């Protein structure tokens, strides 16, 4: 079981589905940030994109990402739950609140 805490979402002007940048702390030990949160095209939820570094030759390498599908799913669920709290269900307009949360996923 992974404890995902200190979830922070930074709303941005939506462009091509990008709605938030997110950060969180895993098990009270690891801060992960610069996570891009995109709305799904059908509006049914969110997907998380992990940061990459652009090299001079134009190729991209991942900065970090979950290597285990279980933790990836837990992070996705925790951040999606917080993002849903900030957005209206019909049109995904940002409410005037910003809050962090904590989630324990099994």
PDB file of N, CA and C in Angstrom:
ATOM      1  N   UNK A   1       0.851  -1.173   0.000  1.00  0.00           N
ATOM      2  CA  UNK A   1       0.000   0.000   0.000  1.00  0.00           C
ATOM      3  C   UNK A   1       0.900   1.241   0.000  1.00  0.00           C
ATOM      4  N   UNK A   2       0.603   2.156  -0.880  1.00  0.00           N
ATOM      5  CA  UNK A   2       1.363   3.396  -1.018  1.00  0.00           C
ATOM      6  C   UNK A   2       0.524   4.554  -0.519  1.00  0.00           C
ATOM      7  N   UNK A   3       1.122   5.386   0.311  1.00  0.00           N
ATOM      8  CA  UNK A   3       0.427   6.580   0.784  1.00  0.00           C
ATOM      9  C   UNK A   3       0.792   7.735  -0.135  1.00  0.00           C
ATOM     10  N   UNK A   4      -0.212   8.328  -0.731  1.00  0.00           N
ATOM     11  CA  UNK A   4      -0.033   9.473  -1.618  1.00  0.00           C
ATOM     12  C   UNK A   4      -0.614  10.677  -0.897  1.00  0.00           C
ATOM     13  N   UNK A   5       0.247  11.649  -0.577  1.00  0.00           N
ATOM     14  CA  UNK A   5      -0.203  12.796   0.215  1.00  0.00           C
ATOM     15  C   UNK A   5       0.254  14.095  -0.430  1.00  0.00           C
ATOM     16  N   UNK A   6      -0.145  15.183   0.184  1.00  0.00           N
ATOM     17  CA  UNK A   6       0.240  16.531  -0.244  1.00  0.00           C
ATOM     18  C   UNK A   6       0.018  16.739  -1.749  1.00  0.00           C
ATOM     19  N   UNK A   7      -1.123  16.269  -2.218  1.00  0.00           N
ATOM     20  CA  UNK A   7      -1.458  16.452  -3.628  1.00  0.00           C
ATOM     21  C   UNK A   7      -1.763  17.919  -3.864  1.00  0.00           C
ATOM     22  N   UNK A   8      -1.050  18.510  -4.790  1.00  0.00           N
ATOM     23  CA  UNK A   8      -1.269  19.911  -5.137  1.00  0.00           C
ATOM     24  C   UNK A   8      -1.522  20.006  -6.632  1.00  0.00           C
ATOM     25  N   UNK A   9      -2.583  20.705  -6.970  1.00  0.00           N
ATOM     26  CA  UNK A   9      -2.928  20.917  -8.374  1.00  0.00           C
ATOM     27  C   UNK A   9      -2.836  22.401  -8.680  1.00  0.00           C
ATOM     28  N   UNK A  10      -2.175  22.719  -9.765  1.00  0.00           N
ATOM     29  CA  UNK A  10      -2.070  24.103 -10.211  1.00  0.00           C
ATOM     30  C   UNK A  10      -2.883  24.223 -11.494  1.00  0.00           C
ATOM     31  N   UNK A  11      -4.044  24.880 -11.423  1.00  0.00           N
ATOM     32  CA  UNK A  11      -4.866  25.031 -12.622  1.00  0.00           C
ATOM     33  C   UNK A  11      -4.179  25.939 -13.634  1.00  0.00           C
ATOM     34  N   UNK A  12      -4.330  25.612 -14.887  1.00  0.00           N
ATOM     35  CA  UNK A  12      -3.798  26.443 -15.957  1.00  0.00           C
ATOM     36  C   UNK A  12      -4.903  26.688 -16.972  1.00  0.00           C
ATOM     37  N   UNK A  13      -4.689  27.637 -17.846  1.00  0.00           N
ATOM     38  CA  UNK A  13      -5.650  27.860 -18.927  1.00  0.00           C
ATOM     39  C   UNK A  13      -5.596  26.622 -19.819  1.00  0.00           C
ATOM     40  N   UNK A  14      -6.703  25.924 -19.912  1.00  0.00           N
ATOM     41  CA  UNK A  14      -6.749  24.652 -20.630  1.00  0.00           C
ATOM     42  C   UNK A  14      -6.354  24.826 -22.097  1.00  0.00           C
ATOM     43  N   UNK A  15      -5.481  23.937 -22.547  1.00  0.00           N
ATOM     44  CA  UNK A  15      -5.066  23.924 -23.947  1.00  0.00           C
ATOM     45  C   UNK A  15      -4.803  22.486 -24.361  1.00  0.00           C
ATOM     46  N   UNK A  16      -5.486  22.045 -25.391  1.00  0.00           N
ATOM     47  CA  UNK A  16      -5.343  20.682 -25.907  1.00  0.00           C
ATOM     48  C   UNK A  16      -5.542  19.634 -24.810  1.00  0.00           C
ATOM     49  N   UNK A  17      -6.428  19.914 -23.892  1.00  0.00           N
ATOM     50  CA  UNK A  17      -6.748  18.969 -22.825  1.00  0.00           C
ATOM     51  C   UNK A  17      -5.899  19.111 -21.575  1.00  0.00           C
ATOM     52  N   UNK A  18      -4.785  19.852 -21.645  1.00  0.00           N
ATOM     53  CA  UNK A  18      -3.956  20.070 -20.461  1.00  0.00           C
ATOM     54  C   UNK A  18      -4.704  21.012 -19.521  1.00  0.00           C
ATOM     55  N   UNK A  19      -4.968  20.542 -18.301  1.00  0.00           N
ATOM     56  CA  UNK A  19      -5.812  21.280 -17.376  1.00  0.00           C
ATOM     57  C   UNK A  19      -5.078  21.715 -16.110  1.00  0.00           C
ATOM     58  N   UNK A  20      -4.174  20.870 -15.617  1.00  0.00           N
ATOM     59  CA  UNK A  20      -3.444  21.130 -14.376  1.00  0.00           C
ATOM     60  C   UNK A  20      -1.998  20.676 -14.514  1.00  0.00           C
ATOM     61  N   UNK A  21      -1.169  21.207 -13.625  1.00  0.00           N
ATOM     62  CA  UNK A  21       0.101  20.584 -13.301  1.00  0.00           C
ATOM     63  C   UNK A  21      -0.052  20.109 -11.869  1.00  0.00           C
ATOM     64  N   UNK A  22       0.489  18.938 -11.566  1.00  0.00           N
ATOM     65  CA  UNK A  22       0.293  18.341 -10.252  1.00  0.00           C
ATOM     66  C   UNK A  22       1.616  17.949  -9.613  1.00  0.00           C
ATOM     67  N   UNK A  23       1.567  17.836  -8.286  1.00  0.00           N
ATOM     68  CA  UNK A  23       2.687  17.282  -7.524  1.00  0.00           C
ATOM     69  C   UNK A  23       2.096  16.515  -6.350  1.00  0.00           C
ATOM     70  N   UNK A  24       2.897  15.609  -5.788  1.00  0.00           N
ATOM     71  CA  UNK A  24       2.471  14.866  -4.605  1.00  0.00           C
ATOM     72  C   UNK A  24       3.694  14.260  -3.924  1.00  0.00           C
ATOM     73  N   UNK A  25       3.462  13.677  -2.769  1.00  0.00           N
ATOM     74  CA  UNK A  25       4.509  13.014  -2.003  1.00  0.00           C
ATOM     75  C   UNK A  25       4.111  11.554  -1.845  1.00  0.00           C
ATOM     76  N   UNK A  26       5.067  10.662  -2.105  1.00  0.00           N
ATOM     77  CA  UNK A  26       4.821   9.224  -1.985  1.00  0.00           C
ATOM     78  C   UNK A  26       5.438   8.702  -0.697  1.00  0.00           C
ATOM     79  N   UNK A  27       4.619   8.046   0.108  1.00  0.00           N
ATOM     80  CA  UNK A  27       5.045   7.432   1.366  1.00  0.00           C
ATOM     81  C   UNK A  27       5.797   8.387   2.286  1.00  0.00           C
ATOM     82  N   UNK A  28       5.547   9.672   2.156  1.00  0.00           N
ATOM     83  CA  UNK A  28       6.219  10.652   2.998  1.00  0.00           C
ATOM     84  C   UNK A  28       7.710  10.774   2.727  1.00  0.00           C
ATOM     85  N   UNK A  29       8.177  10.203   1.599  1.00  0.00           N
ATOM     86  CA  UNK A  29       9.611  10.161   1.314  1.00  0.00           C
ATOM     87  C   UNK A  29      10.006  10.782  -0.009  1.00  0.00           C
ATOM     88  N   UNK A  30       9.131  10.698  -1.006  1.00  0.00           N
ATOM     89  CA  UNK A  30       9.505  11.117  -2.356  1.00  0.00           C
ATOM     90  C   UNK A  30       8.529  12.154  -2.889  1.00  0.00           C
ATOM     91  N   UNK A  31       9.053  13.321  -3.233  1.00  0.00           N
ATOM     92  CA  UNK A  31       8.259  14.358  -3.884  1.00  0.00           C
ATOM     93  C   UNK A  31       8.328  14.108  -5.382  1.00  0.00           C
ATOM     94  N   UNK A  32       7.179  14.100  -6.030  1.00  0.00           N
ATOM     95  CA  UNK A  32       7.172  14.047  -7.494  1.00  0.00           C
ATOM     96  C   UNK A  32       6.365  15.235  -7.991  1.00  0.00           C
ATOM     97  N   UNK A  33       6.898  15.920  -8.970  1.00  0.00           N
ATOM     98  CA  UNK A  33       6.250  17.125  -9.459  1.00  0.00           C
ATOM     99  C   UNK A  33       6.310  17.227 -10.967  1.00  0.00           C
ATOM    100  N   UNK A  34       5.762  18.311 -11.478  1.00  0.00           N
ATOM    101  CA  UNK A  34       5.692  18.580 -12.917  1.00  0.00           C
ATOM    102  C   UNK A  34       4.923  17.503 -13.668  1.00  0.00           C
ATOM    103  N   UNK A  35       3.890  16.971 -13.026  1.00  0.00           N
ATOM    104  CA  UNK A  35       3.026  16.000 -13.677  1.00  0.00           C
ATOM    105  C   UNK A  35       1.952  16.773 -14.439  1.00  0.00           C
ATOM    106  N   UNK A  36       1.814  16.500 -15.709  1.00  0.00           N
ATOM    107  CA  UNK A  36       0.780  17.152 -16.522  1.00  0.00           C
ATOM    108  C   UNK A  36      -0.507  16.346 -16.393  1.00  0.00           C
ATOM    109  N   UNK A  37      -1.606  17.026 -16.129  1.00  0.00           N
ATOM    110  CA  UNK A  37      -2.904  16.370 -15.987  1.00  0.00           C
ATOM    111  C   UNK A  37      -3.770  16.807 -17.157  1.00  0.00           C
ATOM    112  N   UNK A  38      -4.137  15.842 -17.992  1.00  0.00           N
ATOM    113  CA  UNK A  38      -4.964  16.082 -19.175  1.00  0.00           C
ATOM    114  C   UNK A  38      -6.350  15.510 -18.955  1.00  0.00           C
ATOM    115  N   UNK A  39      -7.387  16.205 -19.459  1.00  0.00           N
ATOM    116  CA  UNK A  39      -8.718  15.617 -19.469  1.00  0.00           C
ATOM    117  C   UNK A  39      -8.798  14.666 -20.657  1.00  0.00           C
ATOM    118  N   UNK A  40      -9.514  13.574 -20.469  1.00  0.00           N
ATOM    119  CA  UNK A  40      -9.740  12.644 -21.578  1.00  0.00           C
ATOM    120  C   UNK A  40     -10.684  13.295 -22.576  1.00  0.00           C
ATOM    121  N   UNK A  41     -10.538  12.966 -23.826  1.00  0.00           N
ATOM    122  CA  UNK A  41     -11.355  13.608 -24.876  1.00  0.00           C
ATOM    123  C   UNK A  41     -12.853  13.448 -24.647  1.00  0.00           C
ATOM    124  N   UNK A  42     -13.253  12.309 -24.083  1.00  0.00           N
ATOM    125  CA  UNK A  42     -14.677  12.093 -23.853  1.00  0.00           C
ATOM    126  C   UNK A  42     -15.157  12.687 -22.532  1.00  0.00           C
ATOM    127  N   UNK A  43     -14.233  13.331 -21.780  1.00  0.00           N
ATOM    128  CA  UNK A  43     -14.600  13.985 -20.531  1.00  0.00           C
ATOM    129  C   UNK A  43     -14.816  13.037 -19.373  1.00  0.00           C
ATOM    130  N   UNK A  44     -14.445  11.775 -19.540  1.00  0.00           N
ATOM    131  CA  UNK A  44     -14.727  10.773 -18.513  1.00  0.00           C
ATOM    132  C   UNK A  44     -13.689  10.712 -17.400  1.00  0.00           C
ATOM    133  N   UNK A  45     -12.627  11.490 -17.497  1.00  0.00           N
ATOM    134  CA  UNK A  45     -11.610  11.437 -16.452  1.00  0.00           C
ATOM    135  C   UNK A  45     -10.348  12.161 -16.879  1.00  0.00           C
ATOM    136  N   UNK A  46      -9.235  11.706 -16.320  1.00  0.00           N
ATOM    137  CA  UNK A  46      -7.957  12.374 -16.533  1.00  0.00           C
ATOM    138  C   UNK A  46      -6.867  11.355 -16.827  1.00  0.00           C
ATOM    139  N   UNK A  47      -5.809  11.830 -17.450  1.00  0.00           N
ATOM    140  CA  UNK A  47      -4.610  11.014 -17.609  1.00  0.00           C
ATOM    141  C   UNK A  47      -3.429  11.845 -17.154  1.00  0.00           C
ATOM    142  N   UNK A  48      -2.422  11.158 -16.645  1.00  0.00           N
ATOM    143  CA  UNK A  48      -1.235  11.809 -16.097  1.00  0.00           C
ATOM    144  C   UNK A  48      -0.077  11.578 -17.067  1.00  0.00           C
ATOM    145  N   UNK A  49       0.659  12.639 -17.359  1.00  0.00           N
ATOM    146  CA  UNK A  49       1.845  12.542 -18.215  1.00  0.00           C
ATOM    147  C   UNK A  49       3.043  12.958 -17.378  1.00  0.00           C
ATOM    148  N   UNK A  50       4.041  12.090 -17.327  1.00  0.00           N
ATOM    149  CA  UNK A  50       5.234  12.328 -16.522  1.00  0.00           C
ATOM    150  C   UNK A  50       6.241  13.154 -17.309  1.00  0.00           C
ATOM    151  N   UNK A  51       7.085  13.925 -16.607  1.00  0.00           N
ATOM    152  CA  UNK A  51       7.990  14.860 -17.287  1.00  0.00           C
ATOM    153  C   UNK A  51       9.102  14.154 -18.067  1.00  0.00           C
ATOM    154  N   UNK A  52       9.533  14.832 -19.132  1.00  0.00           N
ATOM    155  CA  UNK A  52      10.653  14.366 -19.934  1.00  0.00           C
ATOM    156  C   UNK A  52      11.643  15.508 -20.095  1.00  0.00           C
ATOM    157  N   UNK A  53      12.847  15.168 -20.470  1.00  0.00           N
ATOM    158  CA  UNK A  53      13.900  16.162 -20.731  1.00  0.00           C
ATOM    159  C   UNK A  53      14.209  16.126 -22.218  1.00  0.00           C
ATOM    160  N   UNK A  54      14.163  17.293 -22.854  1.00  0.00           N
ATOM    161  CA  UNK A  54      14.469  17.393 -24.276  1.00  0.00           C
ATOM    162  C   UNK A  54      15.984  17.546 -24.450  1.00  0.00           C
ATOM    163  N   UNK A  55      16.575  16.656 -25.238  1.00  0.00           N
ATOM    164  CA  UNK A  55      18.004  16.725 -25.508  1.00  0.00           C
ATOM    165  C   UNK A  55      18.266  17.622 -26.708  1.00  0.00           C
ATOM    166  N   UNK A  56      19.499  18.021 -26.879  1.00  0.00           N
ATOM    167  CA  UNK A  56      19.861  18.915 -27.994  1.00  0.00           C
ATOM    168  C   UNK A  56      19.531  18.315 -29.350  1.00  0.00           C
ATOM    169  N   UNK A  57      19.608  17.000 -29.449  1.00  0.00           N
ATOM    170  CA  UNK A  57      19.326  16.353 -30.732  1.00  0.00           C
ATOM    171  C   UNK A  57      17.830  16.187 -30.992  1.00  0.00           C
ATOM    172  N   UNK A  58      16.998  16.675 -30.077  1.00  0.00           N
ATOM    173  CA  UNK A  58      15.551  16.632 -30.261  1.00  0.00           C
ATOM    174  C   UNK A  58      14.873  15.426 -29.632  1.00  0.00           C
ATOM    175  N   UNK A  59      15.641  14.462 -29.165  1.00  0.00           N
ATOM    176  CA  UNK A  59      15.018  13.307 -28.531  1.00  0.00           C
ATOM    177  C   UNK A  59      14.662  13.633 -27.084  1.00  0.00           C
ATOM    178  N   UNK A  60      13.730  12.893 -26.549  1.00  0.00           N
ATOM    179  CA  UNK A  60      13.280  13.110 -25.182  1.00  0.00           C
ATOM    180  C   UNK A  60      13.590  11.879 -24.344  1.00  0.00           C
ATOM    181  N   UNK A  61      14.008  12.122 -23.110  1.00  0.00           N
ATOM    182  CA  UNK A  61      14.221  11.024 -22.176  1.00  0.00           C
ATOM    183  C   UNK A  61      13.363  11.279 -20.943  1.00  0.00           C
ATOM    184  N   UNK A  62      12.821  10.216 -20.359  1.00  0.00           N
ATOM    185  CA  UNK A  62      11.988  10.413 -19.173  1.00  0.00           C
ATOM    186  C   UNK A  62      12.814  10.862 -17.979  1.00  0.00           C
ATOM    187  N   UNK A  63      12.256  11.802 -17.197  1.00  0.00           N
ATOM    188  CA  UNK A  63      12.897  12.240 -15.962  1.00  0.00           C
ATOM    189  C   UNK A  63      12.617  11.205 -14.874  1.00  0.00           C
ATOM    190  N   UNK A  64      11.369  10.818 -14.741  1.00  0.00           N
ATOM    191  CA  UNK A  64      10.961   9.736 -13.845  1.00  0.00           C
ATOM    192  C   UNK A  64       9.582   9.267 -14.274  1.00  0.00           C
ATOM    193  N   UNK A  65       9.253   8.058 -13.876  1.00  0.00           N
ATOM    194  CA  UNK A  65       7.941   7.483 -14.147  1.00  0.00           C
ATOM    195  C   UNK A  65       7.798   6.230 -13.302  1.00  0.00           C
ATOM    196  N   UNK A  66       6.574   5.807 -13.004  1.00  0.00           N
ATOM    197  CA  UNK A  66       6.393   4.579 -12.233  1.00  0.00           C
ATOM    198  C   UNK A  66       6.754   3.373 -13.106  1.00  0.00           C
ATOM    199  N   UNK A  67       7.498   2.447 -12.551  1.00  0.00           N
ATOM    200  CA  UNK A  67       7.844   1.238 -13.297  1.00  0.00           C
ATOM    201  C   UNK A  67       6.878   0.108 -12.980  1.00  0.00           C
ATOM    202  N   UNK A  68       6.012   0.332 -12.031  1.00  0.00           N
ATOM    203  CA  UNK A  68       5.038  -0.663 -11.610  1.00  0.00           C
ATOM    204  C   UNK A  68       3.638  -0.140 -11.957  1.00  0.00           C
ATOM    205  N   UNK A  69       2.848  -0.950 -12.627  1.00  0.00           N
ATOM    206  CA  UNK A  69       1.520  -0.491 -13.044  1.00  0.00           C
ATOM    207  C   UNK A  69       0.600  -0.224 -11.854  1.00  0.00           C
ATOM    208  N   UNK A  70       0.825  -0.909 -10.744  1.00  0.00           N
ATOM    209  CA  UNK A  70      -0.015  -0.703  -9.569  1.00  0.00           C
ATOM    210  C   UNK A  70       0.166   0.702  -8.991  1.00  0.00           C
ATOM    211  N   UNK A  71       1.411   1.136  -8.811  1.00  0.00           N
ATOM    212  CA  UNK A  71       1.642   2.483  -8.272  1.00  0.00           C
ATOM    213  C   UNK A  71       1.210   3.538  -9.284  1.00  0.00           C
ATOM    214  N   UNK A  72       1.397   3.261 -10.567  1.00  0.00           N
ATOM    215  CA  UNK A  72       0.934   4.187 -11.600  1.00  0.00           C
ATOM    216  C   UNK A  72      -0.574   4.400 -11.486  1.00  0.00           C
ATOM    217  N   UNK A  73      -1.290   3.319 -11.298  1.00  0.00           N
ATOM    218  CA  UNK A  73      -2.744   3.390 -11.153  1.00  0.00           C
ATOM    219  C   UNK A  73      -3.145   4.140  -9.880  1.00  0.00           C
ATOM    220  N   UNK A  74      -2.410   3.935  -8.794  1.00  0.00           N
ATOM    221  CA  UNK A  74      -2.702   4.618  -7.536  1.00  0.00           C
ATOM    222  C   UNK A  74      -2.499   6.129  -7.665  1.00  0.00           C
ATOM    223  N   UNK A  75      -1.397   6.521  -8.311  1.00  0.00           N
ATOM    224  CA  UNK A  75      -1.132   7.950  -8.522  1.00  0.00           C
ATOM    225  C   UNK A  75      -2.219   8.559  -9.397  1.00  0.00           C
ATOM    226  N   UNK A  76      -2.559   7.855 -10.474  1.00  0.00           N
ATOM    227  CA  UNK A  76      -3.604   8.308 -11.397  1.00  0.00           C
ATOM    228  C   UNK A  76      -4.916   8.527 -10.649  1.00  0.00           C
ATOM    229  N   UNK A  77      -5.296   7.567  -9.839  1.00  0.00           N
ATOM    230  CA  UNK A  77      -6.565   7.642  -9.106  1.00  0.00           C
ATOM    231  C   UNK A  77      -6.569   8.795  -8.107  1.00  0.00           C
ATOM    232  N   UNK A  78      -5.484   8.929  -7.325  1.00  0.00           N
ATOM    233  CA  UNK A  78      -5.428   9.976  -6.301  1.00  0.00           C
ATOM    234  C   UNK A  78      -5.475  11.368  -6.921  1.00  0.00           C
ATOM    235  N   UNK A  79      -4.705  11.596  -7.971  1.00  0.00           N
ATOM    236  CA  UNK A  79      -4.691  12.911  -8.619  1.00  0.00           C
ATOM    237  C   UNK A  79      -6.015  13.169  -9.331  1.00  0.00           C
ATOM    238  N   UNK A  80      -6.561  12.163  -9.975  1.00  0.00           N
ATOM    239  CA  UNK A  80      -7.861  12.321 -10.649  1.00  0.00           C
ATOM    240  C   UNK A  80      -8.956  12.680  -9.659  1.00  0.00           C
ATOM    241  N   UNK A  81      -8.942  12.060  -8.485  1.00  0.00           N
ATOM    242  CA  UNK A  81      -9.944  12.378  -7.458  1.00  0.00           C
ATOM    243  C   UNK A  81      -9.863  13.840  -7.039  1.00  0.00           C
ATOM    244  N   UNK A  82      -8.643  14.350  -6.857  1.00  0.00           N
ATOM    245  CA  UNK A  82      -8.472  15.754  -6.476  1.00  0.00           C
ATOM    246  C   UNK A  82      -8.873  16.684  -7.619  1.00  0.00           C
ATOM    247  N   UNK A  83      -8.524  16.324  -8.847  1.00  0.00           N
ATOM    248  CA  UNK A  83      -8.873  17.156 -10.007  1.00  0.00           C
ATOM    249  C   UNK A  83     -10.383  17.227 -10.175  1.00  0.00           C
ATOM    250  N   UNK A  84     -11.061  16.129  -9.963  1.00  0.00           N
ATOM    251  CA  UNK A  84     -12.525  16.101 -10.092  1.00  0.00           C
ATOM    252  C   UNK A  84     -13.179  17.038  -9.090  1.00  0.00           C
ATOM    253  N   UNK A  85     -12.609  17.151  -7.897  1.00  0.00           N
ATOM    254  CA  UNK A  85     -13.157  18.051  -6.877  1.00  0.00           C
ATOM    255  C   UNK A  85     -13.077  19.517  -7.312  1.00  0.00           C
ATOM    256  N   UNK A  86     -12.098  19.850  -8.143  1.00  0.00           N
ATOM    257  CA  UNK A  86     -11.907  21.246  -8.539  1.00  0.00           C
ATOM    258  C   UNK A  86     -12.676  21.638  -9.788  1.00  0.00           C
ATOM    259  N   UNK A  87     -13.166  20.682 -10.536  1.00  0.00           N
ATOM    260  CA  UNK A  87     -13.823  20.977 -11.800  1.00  0.00           C
ATOM    261  C   UNK A  87     -15.301  20.657 -11.750  1.00  0.00           C
ATOM    262  N   UNK A  88     -16.093  21.445 -12.473  1.00  0.00           N
ATOM    263  CA  UNK A  88     -17.513  21.146 -12.579  1.00  0.00           C
ATOM    264  C   UNK A  88     -17.672  19.925 -13.467  1.00  0.00           C
ATOM    265  N   UNK A  89     -18.635  19.090 -13.211  1.00  0.00           N
ATOM    266  CA  UNK A  89     -18.755  17.842 -13.955  1.00  0.00           C
ATOM    267  C   UNK A  89     -19.142  18.010 -15.424  1.00  0.00           C
ATOM    268  N   UNK A  90     -19.835  19.083 -15.773  1.00  0.00           N
ATOM    269  CA  UNK A  90     -20.336  19.196 -17.142  1.00  0.00           C
ATOM    270  C   UNK A  90     -19.369  19.836 -18.121  1.00  0.00           C
ATOM    271  N   UNK A  91     -18.717  20.892 -17.710  1.00  0.00           N
ATOM    272  CA  UNK A  91     -17.925  21.635 -18.693  1.00  0.00           C
ATOM    273  C   UNK A  91     -16.462  21.807 -18.304  1.00  0.00           C
ATOM    274  N   UNK A  92     -16.035  21.214 -17.202  1.00  0.00           N
ATOM    275  CA  UNK A  92     -14.648  21.273 -16.759  1.00  0.00           C
ATOM    276  C   UNK A  92     -14.122  22.693 -16.609  1.00  0.00           C
ATOM    277  N   UNK A  93     -14.984  23.599 -16.175  1.00  0.00           N
ATOM    278  CA  UNK A  93     -14.515  24.936 -15.834  1.00  0.00           C
ATOM    279  C   UNK A  93     -13.929  24.878 -14.439  1.00  0.00           C
ATOM    280  N   UNK A  94     -12.880  25.626 -14.215  1.00  0.00           N
ATOM    281  CA  UNK A  94     -12.201  25.597 -12.932  1.00  0.00           C
ATOM    282  C   UNK A  94     -12.992  26.401 -11.917  1.00  0.00           C
ATOM    283  N   UNK A  95     -13.245  25.783 -10.754  1.00  0.00           N
ATOM    284  CA  UNK A  95     -13.882  26.485  -9.644  1.00  0.00           C
ATOM    285  C   UNK A  95     -12.870  27.442  -9.031  1.00  0.00           C
ATOM    286  N   UNK A  96     -13.324  28.308  -8.176  1.00  0.00           N
ATOM    287  CA  UNK A  96     -12.448  29.296  -7.559  1.00  0.00           C
ATOM    288  C   UNK A  96     -11.753  28.772  -6.314  1.00  0.00           C
ATOM    289  N   UNK A  97     -11.582  27.464  -6.199  1.00  0.00           N
ATOM    290  CA  UNK A  97     -10.890  26.925  -5.034  1.00  0.00           C
ATOM    291  C   UNK A  97      -9.684  26.118  -5.478  1.00  0.00           C
ATOM    292  N   UNK A  98      -8.726  26.040  -4.577  1.00  0.00           N
ATOM    293  CA  UNK A  98      -7.535  25.244  -4.808  1.00  0.00           C
ATOM    294  C   UNK A  98      -7.250  24.535  -3.496  1.00  0.00           C
ATOM    295  N   UNK A  99      -7.178  23.216  -3.539  1.00  0.00           N
ATOM    296  CA  UNK A  99      -6.958  22.493  -2.311  1.00  0.00           C
ATOM    297  C   UNK A  99      -6.080  21.290  -2.575  1.00  0.00           C
ATOM    298  N   UNK A 100      -5.326  20.926  -1.574  1.00  0.00           N
ATOM    299  CA  UNK A 100      -4.523  19.721  -1.639  1.00  0.00           C
ATOM    300  C   UNK A 100      -5.245  18.620  -0.908  1.00  0.00           C
ATOM    301  N   UNK A 101      -4.831  17.411  -1.128  1.00  0.00           N
ATOM    302  CA  UNK A 101      -5.507  16.315  -0.457  1.00  0.00           C
ATOM    303  C   UNK A 101      -4.550  15.196  -0.143  1.00  0.00           C
ATOM    304  N   UNK A 102      -5.111  14.179   0.431  1.00  0.00           N
ATOM    305  CA  UNK A 102      -4.338  13.011   0.788  1.00  0.00           C
ATOM    306  C   UNK A 102      -5.158  11.794   0.468  1.00  0.00           C
ATOM    307  N   UNK A 103      -4.515  10.783  -0.072  1.00  0.00           N
ATOM    308  CA  UNK A 103      -5.219   9.580  -0.445  1.00  0.00           C
ATOM    309  C   UNK A 103      -4.361   8.371  -0.108  1.00  0.00           C
ATOM    310  N   UNK A 104      -4.973   7.353   0.399  1.00  0.00           N
ATOM    311  CA  UNK A 104      -4.263   6.093   0.600  1.00  0.00           C
ATOM    312  C   UNK A 104      -4.905   5.076  -0.300  1.00  0.00           C
ATOM    313  N   UNK A 105      -4.138   4.534  -1.218  1.00  0.00           N
ATOM    314  CA  UNK A 105      -4.647   3.579  -2.184  1.00  0.00           C
ATOM    315  C   UNK A 105      -4.146   2.190  -1.824  1.00  0.00           C
ATOM    316  N   UNK A 106      -4.993   1.190  -2.061  1.00  0.00           N
ATOM    317  CA  UNK A 106      -4.585  -0.187  -1.803  1.00  0.00           C
ATOM    318  C   UNK A 106      -4.465  -0.954  -3.090  1.00  0.00           C
TER     319      UNK A 106
END
